[in-house]
Amino acid sequence: MSNTISKLPHDLLRLCQKHPPEIFLVLGSGYGSLAEKFQNRHSWPFSQFPEISATTVPGHKGCITYAQFNKKKLLISEGRVHAYEGYTRQVVTATTRIAHFLGCHTCIFTNAAGGISPSLNPGSIMLIKNHIDTISNVWNIDKTNPGFLSPSPSPYDPTLIDKLKNISKSQNLSTSTGTYLMVTGPNYESASEIRAFSSWKADAVGMSTAWEVETGFRLGMKCAGISGITNKAAGLSHNHPSHQEVLENAKELTQSFEKLLFSYLESL
């Protein structure tokens, strides 16, 4: 990591040394416009960072932004890279490790996800309480149930989840908590796969977040994950999932995300 740090943009390093950021916010598919709501923004494209590669997915701008909300300093990842773009775990988690080095102690990872649980329809918000990683299976695996996480400990901070839950109630936002399942992608799952995931007690499915959260947790950061439900998972709707649908519904969810995230920042 020391070699990586020496290659970080010098003006970002100076800024963070003078005013260390506290919170790392990752904006998933379609939520990038939220970054424009922050003050005193300074942005650097992923290409200026070692280990991070350019994103190839629509809805992911691909830059790291230093910003301010009231007196709180943040680092914002406007978009992310994914395993299905051909990137390794090391590349996918680079932004999280860099944010930790630069001073962030709390991470909030957002994503667009497909709803598996009957209660999760497009427009719903799910606070992630745990996840299932179907790609690498390296996080606290219950050896008798390959692919499943052991129930404890979860890398998602329970105090942070409770705080977001209480804030959502105060803002009249309809949120629930559930288990997120990460798949490789880039193709959407088959109806048969979704039935299997449902039997595993997964509530929502997506193609990101799990690796980043695991990395943040191992670095001692408090982590929260928020899934915006942008579509029903395959076989649970008459419509076939598409990335265009994801982006359109994510845009509609942006206002709810803004209320939840900004109310959280105001509470600090």
Foldseek 3Di string as FASTA:
>chain_A
DVVQVVQAPPVLLVVLVVPNAAEEEEDEAQQLVLVVVFPPKDKDAQVSGPLEDAADDPRAPGIWIWTDDPHHIYIYRRYFHFVLVVHDLSRRQVVLVVSVVSHYQAYEYEYAWAFLPPVAAQLEKEKEQAEFEPPPQPACDPVVDGRDHDVPDGLAAPVVSVVLVVLCVVVVHHYYYAYEYADRDPDADAPVVSVVVVVVRHGIYDHDDPSNSVVSSVSNHHYIYMYRHQHHGHPPDPDDDDSVSRNVSSNVNNVVVSSSVSSVVVVD
